[in-house]
Amino acid sequence: MEVQIFTHKNCVECNMLLEYLENKGLLGKVKIIDTELYPFLAFERGVISTPSIFIDGKLVYAGIVDFEEFERILSGEKVTRQIDKDKLVEKLMLGIVDSFAATAWLYINRDFDSFLAQKDFVMAVTGLSLLDEKEREEYYNYLRNIMIKEGEKYLEEWKPRMLRNISSNFIREIFWLYETKISKEVVMQKYPVEVFAHWLMVRGGAVGRVGLRIYPLSDSTLMRRVLEAYNFMLENYDDIFNKVQKEQTELKAKNREQVRYLQI
C-alpha cells in the first residue's frame, strides 16, 4: 500500500495529522509531500485542499481526515463505510467550506456543474471514496443532481461559513506579508474592495489562466457579493486577525521542529 499525504506547513490540520501519526509510530508508512515545495506535483494530482491523502493513487481524504479511521487503514484493516444519503449534501458543503480554493471559486462562480466535475474531491469529502465503483457512482449522481438543481440554496445557507473562510484566508495572507498586525484603516487603504475582488477571483482555484474566470467590476451582482465578503472581513477584522496571529505563531514554532516532515 502506497500512501501519499500532501501537506502545507501553515495548515493546522496537516500539523495535527502528522503529530498524530508520529505519536502512533506510523510516519514510516506514509510519504509526505509539501505542497509549498512541490506545487506542480500537487496541481498534477488535483489537490485543492490540505491535507490530501492518496492511497494507491486514489484520493481518500481531502481537508477533513478521520484520524482513527486512517490509522486503521494504515494498520492493514479493511474499512467499510455506511453512507447516509440525507447527509451527503452536508458532507459536501463541510468539505467545501474547509477548502479555501473551493469556497472562493464557488462564492464567485456559483457553478456546481463545473465544480462537481472534480469527482475525486467530491468522493473524498463525502466519504464515497471507499465504496465500490457502482455504489460510488450511484451516490455521486444522486448528489450531483441535487446540487445542480438546488446549489444556490445551499450556498446561501452556508454563506456565513464561506464568508468566515474567505475573511480568514485574506487576513492570513496579510499576516504572512507584513508579519505583524496592520490596522483595518491601512488594509482599507492598501486593499480597497476592487483589489479584494481581484484577489478573490484569482485565488479561487486558478493556476495561471487555468480555472481563471475574471468578471468586470461593473458586474453589479458579483460586486454585491464581493462587497458583502469585504464588509464581513472588515467587521470581524480584529477578532480574526488575533486568532490568525496566534495560530500562525504557534505553527511557526512547531515548523522549526518538524523539518523532518518535508520529504518526498
C-alpha atoms as a PDB file:
ATOM      1  CA  MET A   1       0.000   0.000   0.000  1.00  0.00           C
ATOM      2  CA  GLU A   2       1.455   3.346  -1.065  1.00  0.00           C
ATOM      3  CA  VAL A   3       0.211   6.331   0.948  1.00  0.00           C
ATOM      4  CA  GLN A   4       0.987   9.936  -0.002  1.00  0.00           C
ATOM      5  CA  ILE A   5      -0.035  12.900   2.141  1.00  0.00           C
ATOM      6  CA  PHE A   6       0.005  16.354   0.529  1.00  0.00           C
ATOM      7  CA  THR A   7       0.534  18.968   3.251  1.00  0.00           C
ATOM      8  CA  HIS A   8       1.380  22.630   3.800  1.00  0.00           C
ATOM      9  CA  LYS A   9       3.462  23.916   6.683  1.00  0.00           C
ATOM     10  CA  ASN A  10       0.859  26.573   7.574  1.00  0.00           C
ATOM     11  CA  CYS A  11      -2.039  24.096   7.613  1.00  0.00           C
ATOM     12  CA  VAL A  12      -3.276  23.415  11.151  1.00  0.00           C
ATOM     13  CA  GLU A  13      -4.994  20.144  10.230  1.00  0.00           C
ATOM     14  CA  CYS A  14      -1.822  18.921   8.490  1.00  0.00           C
ATOM     15  CA  ASN A  15       0.272  19.516  11.593  1.00  0.00           C
ATOM     16  CA  MET A  16      -2.308  17.778  13.794  1.00  0.00           C
ATOM     17  CA  LEU A  17      -2.345  14.775  11.453  1.00  0.00           C
ATOM     18  CA  LEU A  18       1.445  14.496  11.349  1.00  0.00           C
ATOM     19  CA  GLU A  19       1.677  14.718  15.130  1.00  0.00           C
ATOM     20  CA  TYR A  20      -0.972  12.017  15.437  1.00  0.00           C
ATOM     21  CA  LEU A  21       0.885   9.708  13.052  1.00  0.00           C
ATOM     22  CA  GLU A  22       4.175  10.343  14.834  1.00  0.00           C
ATOM     23  CA  ASN A  23       2.643   9.542  18.220  1.00  0.00           C
ATOM     24  CA  LYS A  24       1.204   6.315  16.802  1.00  0.00           C
ATOM     25  CA  GLY A  25       4.528   5.332  15.188  1.00  0.00           C
ATOM     26  CA  LEU A  26       3.010   5.431  11.706  1.00  0.00           C
ATOM     27  CA  LEU A  27       5.047   8.130   9.945  1.00  0.00           C
ATOM     28  CA  GLY A  28       7.215   5.484   8.312  1.00  0.00           C
ATOM     29  CA  LYS A  29       4.197   4.134   6.465  1.00  0.00           C
ATOM     30  CA  VAL A  30       3.479   7.359   4.564  1.00  0.00           C
ATOM     31  CA  LYS A  31       5.225   9.702   2.168  1.00  0.00           C
ATOM     32  CA  ILE A  32       4.844  13.405   2.975  1.00  0.00           C
ATOM     33  CA  ILE A  33       4.749  15.880   0.084  1.00  0.00           C
ATOM     34  CA  ASP A  34       4.931  19.576   0.962  1.00  0.00           C
ATOM     35  CA  THR A  35       2.754  21.489  -1.496  1.00  0.00           C
ATOM     36  CA  GLU A  36       4.791  24.652  -0.938  1.00  0.00           C
ATOM     37  CA  LEU A  37       7.931  22.877  -2.152  1.00  0.00           C
ATOM     38  CA  TYR A  38       6.265  20.762  -4.851  1.00  0.00           C
ATOM     39  CA  PRO A  39       3.271  22.785  -6.114  1.00  0.00           C
ATOM     40  CA  PHE A  40       3.192  21.373  -9.643  1.00  0.00           C
ATOM     41  CA  LEU A  41       3.029  17.833  -8.345  1.00  0.00           C
ATOM     42  CA  ALA A  42       0.012  18.880  -6.266  1.00  0.00           C
ATOM     43  CA  PHE A  43      -1.585  20.547  -9.327  1.00  0.00           C
ATOM     44  CA  GLU A  44      -0.990  17.398 -11.361  1.00  0.00           C
ATOM     45  CA  ARG A  45      -2.805  15.310  -8.748  1.00  0.00           C
ATOM     46  CA  GLY A  46      -5.727  17.736  -8.449  1.00  0.00           C
ATOM     47  CA  VAL A  47      -5.049  18.726  -4.839  1.00  0.00           C
ATOM     48  CA  ILE A  48      -7.275  21.646  -3.784  1.00  0.00           C
ATOM     49  CA  SER A  49      -7.267  21.107  -0.031  1.00  0.00           C
ATOM     50  CA  THR A  50      -4.684  20.020   2.531  1.00  0.00           C
ATOM     51  CA  PRO A  51      -4.110  17.514   3.881  1.00  0.00           C
ATOM     52  CA  SER A  52      -4.985  15.390   0.860  1.00  0.00           C
ATOM     53  CA  ILE A  53      -4.296  11.683   1.277  1.00  0.00           C
ATOM     54  CA  PHE A  54      -3.862   9.324  -1.670  1.00  0.00           C
ATOM     55  CA  ILE A  55      -3.877   5.578  -1.087  1.00  0.00           C
ATOM     56  CA  ASP A  56      -2.548   3.557  -4.021  1.00  0.00           C
ATOM     57  CA  GLY A  57      -3.152   6.584  -6.230  1.00  0.00           C
ATOM     58  CA  LYS A  58      -6.755   7.220  -5.141  1.00  0.00           C
ATOM     59  CA  LEU A  59      -7.762  10.330  -3.214  1.00  0.00           C
ATOM     60  CA  VAL A  60      -9.373   9.105   0.011  1.00  0.00           C
ATOM     61  CA  TYR A  61      -9.290  12.192   2.247  1.00  0.00           C
ATOM     62  CA  ALA A  62      -9.313  15.879   1.303  1.00  0.00           C
ATOM     63  CA  GLY A  63      -9.018  18.503   4.037  1.00  0.00           C
ATOM     64  CA  ILE A  64     -11.026  16.655   6.679  1.00  0.00           C
ATOM     65  CA  VAL A  65      -9.434  13.428   7.906  1.00  0.00           C
ATOM     66  CA  ASP A  66     -10.854  10.830  10.271  1.00  0.00           C
ATOM     67  CA  PHE A  67      -7.603  10.166  12.144  1.00  0.00           C
ATOM     68  CA  GLU A  68      -8.733   6.911  13.771  1.00  0.00           C
ATOM     69  CA  GLU A  69     -10.146   5.515  10.533  1.00  0.00           C
ATOM     70  CA  PHE A  70      -6.931   6.435   8.712  1.00  0.00           C
ATOM     71  CA  GLU A  71      -4.913   4.720  11.450  1.00  0.00           C
ATOM     72  CA  ARG A  72      -6.932   1.542  10.906  1.00  0.00           C
ATOM     73  CA  ILE A  73      -6.251   1.710   7.163  1.00  0.00           C
ATOM     74  CA  LEU A  74      -2.516   2.130   7.757  1.00  0.00           C
ATOM     75  CA  SER A  75      -2.622  -0.839  10.127  1.00  0.00           C
ATOM     76  CA  GLY A  76      -3.975  -3.018   7.317  1.00  0.00           C
ATOM     77  CA  GLU A  77      -7.593  -3.138   8.426  1.00  0.00           C
ATOM     78  CA  LYS A  78     -10.275  -3.192   5.732  1.00  0.00           C
ATOM     79  CA  VAL A  79     -12.506  -0.180   6.321  1.00  0.00           C
ATOM     80  CA  THR A  80     -16.102  -0.061   5.133  1.00  0.00           C
ATOM     81  CA  ARG A  81     -18.467   2.884   5.329  1.00  0.00           C
ATOM     82  CA  GLN A  82     -22.183   3.244   5.700  1.00  0.00           C
ATOM     83  CA  ILE A  83     -23.460   6.174   3.659  1.00  0.00           C
ATOM     84  CA  ASP A  84     -26.492   8.204   4.699  1.00  0.00           C
ATOM     85  CA  LYS A  85     -27.934   9.816   1.567  1.00  0.00           C
ATOM     86  CA  ASP A  86     -29.554  12.537   3.646  1.00  0.00           C
ATOM     87  CA  LYS A  87     -26.140  13.702   4.880  1.00  0.00           C
ATOM     88  CA  LEU A  88     -24.316  13.786   1.553  1.00  0.00           C
ATOM     89  CA  VAL A  89     -25.057  17.470   0.919  1.00  0.00           C
ATOM     90  CA  GLU A  90     -23.893  18.404   4.414  1.00  0.00           C
ATOM     91  CA  LYS A  91     -20.648  16.450   3.983  1.00  0.00           C
ATOM     92  CA  LEU A  92     -20.028  18.073   0.605  1.00  0.00           C
ATOM     93  CA  MET A  93     -20.615  21.561   1.985  1.00  0.00           C
ATOM     94  CA  LEU A  94     -18.385  20.856   5.002  1.00  0.00           C
ATOM     95  CA  GLY A  95     -15.639  19.819   2.589  1.00  0.00           C
ATOM     96  CA  ILE A  96     -16.174  22.965   0.527  1.00  0.00           C
ATOM     97  CA  VAL A  97     -16.046  25.407   3.454  1.00  0.00           C
ATOM     98  CA  ASP A  98     -12.953  23.594   4.749  1.00  0.00           C
ATOM     99  CA  SER A  99     -11.183  24.353   1.456  1.00  0.00           C
ATOM    100  CA  PHE A 100     -10.434  27.982   0.622  1.00  0.00           C
ATOM    101  CA  ALA A 101      -9.969  27.243  -3.079  1.00  0.00           C
ATOM    102  CA  ALA A 102     -13.369  25.532  -3.269  1.00  0.00           C
ATOM    103  CA  THR A 103     -15.060  28.230  -1.182  1.00  0.00           C
ATOM    104  CA  ALA A 104     -13.631  31.141  -3.159  1.00  0.00           C
ATOM    105  CA  TRP A 105     -14.366  29.553  -6.541  1.00  0.00           C
ATOM    106  CA  LEU A 106     -17.969  28.714  -5.698  1.00  0.00           C
ATOM    107  CA  TYR A 107     -18.629  32.014  -3.925  1.00  0.00           C
ATOM    108  CA  ILE A 108     -17.614  33.853  -7.093  1.00  0.00           C
ATOM    109  CA  ASN A 109     -18.749  31.495  -9.854  1.00  0.00           C
ATOM    110  CA  ARG A 110     -21.870  29.785  -8.385  1.00  0.00           C
ATOM    111  CA  ASP A 111     -21.351  26.872 -10.763  1.00  0.00           C
ATOM    112  CA  PHE A 112     -21.874  23.453  -9.202  1.00  0.00           C
ATOM    113  CA  ASP A 113     -21.999  21.775 -12.596  1.00  0.00           C
ATOM    114  CA  SER A 114     -18.344  22.615 -13.243  1.00  0.00           C
ATOM    115  CA  PHE A 115     -17.276  22.179  -9.630  1.00  0.00           C
ATOM    116  CA  LEU A 116     -18.688  18.668  -9.285  1.00  0.00           C
ATOM    117  CA  ALA A 117     -16.578  17.560 -12.234  1.00  0.00           C
ATOM    118  CA  GLN A 118     -13.778  17.467  -9.627  1.00  0.00           C
ATOM    119  CA  LYS A 119     -15.062  13.999  -8.776  1.00  0.00           C
ATOM    120  CA  ASP A 120     -12.073  12.833  -6.718  1.00  0.00           C
ATOM    121  CA  PHE A 121     -12.506  15.751  -4.305  1.00  0.00           C
ATOM    122  CA  VAL A 122     -16.268  15.207  -4.081  1.00  0.00           C
ATOM    123  CA  MET A 123     -15.800  11.491  -3.401  1.00  0.00           C
ATOM    124  CA  ALA A 124     -13.185  12.150  -0.730  1.00  0.00           C
ATOM    125  CA  VAL A 125     -15.058  14.780   1.287  1.00  0.00           C
ATOM    126  CA  THR A 126     -18.366  12.905   1.200  1.00  0.00           C
ATOM    127  CA  GLY A 127     -16.872   9.562   2.236  1.00  0.00           C
ATOM    128  CA  LEU A 128     -17.738   7.907  -1.073  1.00  0.00           C
ATOM    129  CA  SER A 129     -14.109   7.195  -1.959  1.00  0.00           C
ATOM    130  CA  LEU A 130     -14.007   3.855  -0.107  1.00  0.00           C
ATOM    131  CA  LEU A 131     -17.171   2.431  -1.664  1.00  0.00           C
ATOM    132  CA  ASP A 132     -17.173   0.078  -4.632  1.00  0.00           C
ATOM    133  CA  GLU A 133     -17.426   1.715  -8.034  1.00  0.00           C
ATOM    134  CA  LYS A 134     -21.122   1.014  -8.639  1.00  0.00           C
ATOM    135  CA  GLU A 135     -22.254   2.426  -5.282  1.00  0.00           C
ATOM    136  CA  ARG A 136     -19.873   5.356  -5.597  1.00  0.00           C
ATOM    137  CA  GLU A 137     -21.298   6.394  -8.959  1.00  0.00           C
ATOM    138  CA  GLU A 138     -24.886   5.978  -7.800  1.00  0.00           C
ATOM    139  CA  TYR A 139     -24.398   8.235  -4.774  1.00  0.00           C
ATOM    140  CA  TYR A 140     -22.328  10.712  -6.780  1.00  0.00           C
ATOM    141  CA  ASN A 141     -25.024  11.095  -9.451  1.00  0.00           C
ATOM    142  CA  TYR A 142     -27.677  11.498  -6.759  1.00  0.00           C
ATOM    143  CA  LEU A 143     -25.647  14.276  -5.113  1.00  0.00           C
ATOM    144  CA  ARG A 144     -24.800  15.935  -8.414  1.00  0.00           C
ATOM    145  CA  ASN A 145     -28.451  16.179  -9.415  1.00  0.00           C
ATOM    146  CA  ILE A 146     -29.347  17.807  -6.091  1.00  0.00           C
ATOM    147  CA  MET A 147     -26.527  20.360  -6.193  1.00  0.00           C
ATOM    148  CA  ILE A 148     -27.094  21.412  -9.805  1.00  0.00           C
ATOM    149  CA  LYS A 149     -30.780  21.909  -9.056  1.00  0.00           C
ATOM    150  CA  GLU A 150     -30.567  23.417  -5.553  1.00  0.00           C
ATOM    151  CA  GLY A 151     -26.951  24.596  -5.250  1.00  0.00           C
ATOM    152  CA  GLU A 152     -27.820  28.267  -4.910  1.00  0.00           C
ATOM    153  CA  LYS A 153     -29.998  27.465  -1.894  1.00  0.00           C
ATOM    154  CA  TYR A 154     -27.124  25.689  -0.168  1.00  0.00           C
ATOM    155  CA  LEU A 155     -24.661  28.458  -0.986  1.00  0.00           C
ATOM    156  CA  GLU A 156     -26.983  30.893   0.737  1.00  0.00           C
ATOM    157  CA  GLU A 157     -27.465  28.569   3.716  1.00  0.00           C
ATOM    158  CA  TRP A 158     -23.711  28.093   4.141  1.00  0.00           C
ATOM    159  CA  LYS A 159     -22.789  31.695   3.363  1.00  0.00           C
ATOM    160  CA  PRO A 160     -21.739  32.604   6.947  1.00  0.00           C
ATOM    161  CA  ARG A 161     -19.173  29.782   6.932  1.00  0.00           C
ATOM    162  CA  MET A 162     -17.989  30.785   3.474  1.00  0.00           C
ATOM    163  CA  LEU A 163     -17.590  34.441   4.485  1.00  0.00           C
ATOM    164  CA  ARG A 164     -15.527  33.455   7.523  1.00  0.00           C
ATOM    165  CA  ASN A 165     -13.338  31.179   5.401  1.00  0.00           C
ATOM    166  CA  ILE A 166     -12.730  33.946   2.852  1.00  0.00           C
ATOM    167  CA  SER A 167     -12.023  36.554   5.532  1.00  0.00           C
ATOM    168  CA  SER A 168      -9.690  34.281   7.491  1.00  0.00           C
ATOM    169  CA  ASN A 169      -7.645  33.435   4.420  1.00  0.00           C
ATOM    170  CA  PHE A 170      -7.374  37.051   3.293  1.00  0.00           C
ATOM    171  CA  ILE A 171      -6.226  38.138   6.758  1.00  0.00           C
ATOM    172  CA  ARG A 172      -3.871  35.138   6.992  1.00  0.00           C
ATOM    173  CA  GLU A 173      -2.151  36.270   3.800  1.00  0.00           C
ATOM    174  CA  ILE A 174      -1.945  39.833   5.126  1.00  0.00           C
ATOM    175  CA  PHE A 175      -0.194  38.430   8.190  1.00  0.00           C
ATOM    176  CA  TRP A 176       2.257  36.470   6.017  1.00  0.00           C
ATOM    177  CA  LEU A 177       3.049  39.602   4.020  1.00  0.00           C
ATOM    178  CA  TYR A 178       3.583  42.021   6.903  1.00  0.00           C
ATOM    179  CA  GLU A 179       4.477  39.588   9.728  1.00  0.00           C
ATOM    180  CA  THR A 180       2.640  41.853  12.143  1.00  0.00           C
ATOM    181  CA  LYS A 181      -0.825  43.232  12.653  1.00  0.00           C
ATOM    182  CA  ILE A 182      -1.650  46.225  10.497  1.00  0.00           C
ATOM    183  CA  SER A 183      -4.667  48.365  11.220  1.00  0.00           C
ATOM    184  CA  LYS A 184      -8.008  47.977   9.487  1.00  0.00           C
ATOM    185  CA  GLU A 185      -7.589  51.518   8.142  1.00  0.00           C
ATOM    186  CA  VAL A 186      -4.316  50.566   6.449  1.00  0.00           C
ATOM    187  CA  VAL A 187      -5.962  47.473   4.962  1.00  0.00           C
ATOM    188  CA  MET A 188      -8.772  49.605   3.528  1.00  0.00           C
ATOM    189  CA  GLN A 189      -6.219  51.996   2.043  1.00  0.00           C
ATOM    190  CA  LYS A 190      -3.941  49.345   0.511  1.00  0.00           C
ATOM    191  CA  TYR A 191      -6.677  46.851  -0.378  1.00  0.00           C
ATOM    192  CA  PRO A 192      -9.867  48.628  -1.479  1.00  0.00           C
ATOM    193  CA  VAL A 193     -12.807  46.483  -2.496  1.00  0.00           C
ATOM    194  CA  GLU A 194     -11.694  46.421  -6.154  1.00  0.00           C
ATOM    195  CA  VAL A 195      -8.366  44.834  -5.159  1.00  0.00           C
ATOM    196  CA  PHE A 196     -10.174  42.442  -2.824  1.00  0.00           C
ATOM    197  CA  ALA A 197     -12.476  41.457  -5.718  1.00  0.00           C
ATOM    198  CA  HIS A 198      -9.480  40.710  -7.942  1.00  0.00           C
ATOM    199  CA  TRP A 199      -7.800  38.699  -5.171  1.00  0.00           C
ATOM    200  CA  LEU A 200     -10.946  36.637  -4.587  1.00  0.00           C
ATOM    201  CA  MET A 201     -11.404  35.867  -8.282  1.00  0.00           C
ATOM    202  CA  VAL A 202      -7.757  34.870  -8.738  1.00  0.00           C
ATOM    203  CA  ARG A 203      -7.456  32.828  -5.523  1.00  0.00           C
ATOM    204  CA  GLY A 204     -10.376  30.564  -6.351  1.00  0.00           C
ATOM    205  CA  GLY A 205      -8.509  27.570  -7.701  1.00  0.00           C
ATOM    206  CA  ALA A 206      -6.757  29.364 -10.584  1.00  0.00           C
ATOM    207  CA  VAL A 207      -3.308  28.275 -11.754  1.00  0.00           C
ATOM    208  CA  GLY A 208      -2.029  30.673 -14.381  1.00  0.00           C
ATOM    209  CA  ARG A 209      -5.051  31.079 -16.648  1.00  0.00           C
ATOM    210  CA  VAL A 210      -6.304  27.582 -15.939  1.00  0.00           C
ATOM    211  CA  GLY A 211      -9.532  27.836 -13.981  1.00  0.00           C
ATOM    212  CA  LEU A 212      -9.428  31.633 -14.015  1.00  0.00           C
ATOM    213  CA  ARG A 213     -12.708  33.496 -14.518  1.00  0.00           C
ATOM    214  CA  ILE A 214     -12.330  37.258 -14.337  1.00  0.00           C
ATOM    215  CA  TYR A 215     -15.530  39.277 -14.144  1.00  0.00           C
ATOM    216  CA  PRO A 216     -15.738  43.012 -14.873  1.00  0.00           C
ATOM    217  CA  LEU A 217     -16.045  45.245 -11.819  1.00  0.00           C
ATOM    218  CA  SER A 218     -19.144  46.686 -13.484  1.00  0.00           C
ATOM    219  CA  ASP A 219     -20.963  43.393 -12.795  1.00  0.00           C
ATOM    220  CA  SER A 220     -23.261  44.659 -10.038  1.00  0.00           C
ATOM    221  CA  THR A 221     -24.463  41.206  -8.969  1.00  0.00           C
ATOM    222  CA  LEU A 222     -20.920  39.983  -8.471  1.00  0.00           C
ATOM    223  CA  MET A 223     -19.798  43.141  -6.712  1.00  0.00           C
ATOM    224  CA  ARG A 224     -22.675  42.918  -4.242  1.00  0.00           C
ATOM    225  CA  ARG A 225     -21.368  39.514  -3.165  1.00  0.00           C
ATOM    226  CA  VAL A 226     -17.775  40.743  -3.071  1.00  0.00           C
ATOM    227  CA  LEU A 227     -18.765  43.771  -1.017  1.00  0.00           C
ATOM    228  CA  GLU A 228     -20.604  41.533   1.433  1.00  0.00           C
ATOM    229  CA  ALA A 229     -17.442  39.442   1.905  1.00  0.00           C
ATOM    230  CA  TYR A 230     -15.283  42.573   2.147  1.00  0.00           C
ATOM    231  CA  ASN A 231     -17.521  44.153   4.783  1.00  0.00           C
ATOM    232  CA  PHE A 232     -17.665  40.903   6.747  1.00  0.00           C
ATOM    233  CA  MET A 233     -13.863  40.804   6.762  1.00  0.00           C
ATOM    234  CA  LEU A 234     -13.634  44.410   7.992  1.00  0.00           C
ATOM    235  CA  GLU A 235     -16.345  43.983  10.628  1.00  0.00           C
ATOM    236  CA  ASN A 236     -14.586  40.925  12.061  1.00  0.00           C
ATOM    237  CA  TYR A 237     -11.037  42.066  11.315  1.00  0.00           C
ATOM    238  CA  ASP A 238      -9.649  42.344  14.851  1.00  0.00           C
ATOM    239  CA  ASP A 239     -11.142  39.098  16.086  1.00  0.00           C
ATOM    240  CA  ILE A 240      -9.992  37.090  13.051  1.00  0.00           C
ATOM    241  CA  PHE A 241      -6.553  38.705  12.933  1.00  0.00           C
ATOM    242  CA  ASN A 242      -5.875  37.911  16.582  1.00  0.00           C
ATOM    243  CA  LYS A 243      -6.834  34.262  16.022  1.00  0.00           C
ATOM    244  CA  VAL A 244      -4.760  34.041  12.841  1.00  0.00           C
ATOM    245  CA  GLN A 245      -1.739  35.605  14.521  1.00  0.00           C
ATOM    246  CA  LYS A 246      -1.927  33.141  17.420  1.00  0.00           C
ATOM    247  CA  GLU A 247      -2.436  30.189  15.063  1.00  0.00           C
ATOM    248  CA  GLN A 248       0.440  31.121  12.751  1.00  0.00           C
ATOM    249  CA  THR A 249       2.853  31.978  15.570  1.00  0.00           C
ATOM    250  CA  GLU A 250       2.267  28.556  17.120  1.00  0.00           C
ATOM    251  CA  LEU A 251       2.661  26.839  13.731  1.00  0.00           C
ATOM    252  CA  LYS A 252       5.908  28.668  13.042  1.00  0.00           C
ATOM    253  CA  ALA A 253       7.341  27.427  16.323  1.00  0.00           C
ATOM    254  CA  LYS A 254       6.291  23.858  15.504  1.00  0.00           C
ATOM    255  CA  ASN A 255       7.647  24.025  11.963  1.00  0.00           C
ATOM    256  CA  ARG A 256      11.126  24.759  13.265  1.00  0.00           C
ATOM    257  CA  GLU A 257      10.959  21.368  14.974  1.00  0.00           C
ATOM    258  CA  GLN A 258       9.327  19.493  12.114  1.00  0.00           C
ATOM    259  CA  VAL A 259      11.646  19.896   9.138  1.00  0.00           C
ATOM    260  CA  ARG A 260      11.813  16.090   9.099  1.00  0.00           C
ATOM    261  CA  TYR A 261       8.295  16.120   7.663  1.00  0.00           C
ATOM    262  CA  LEU A 262       9.290  17.941   4.477  1.00  0.00           C
ATOM    263  CA  GLN A 263      10.114  14.983   2.304  1.00  0.00           C
ATOM    264  CA  ILE A 264       9.109  13.443  -0.995  1.00  0.00           C
END
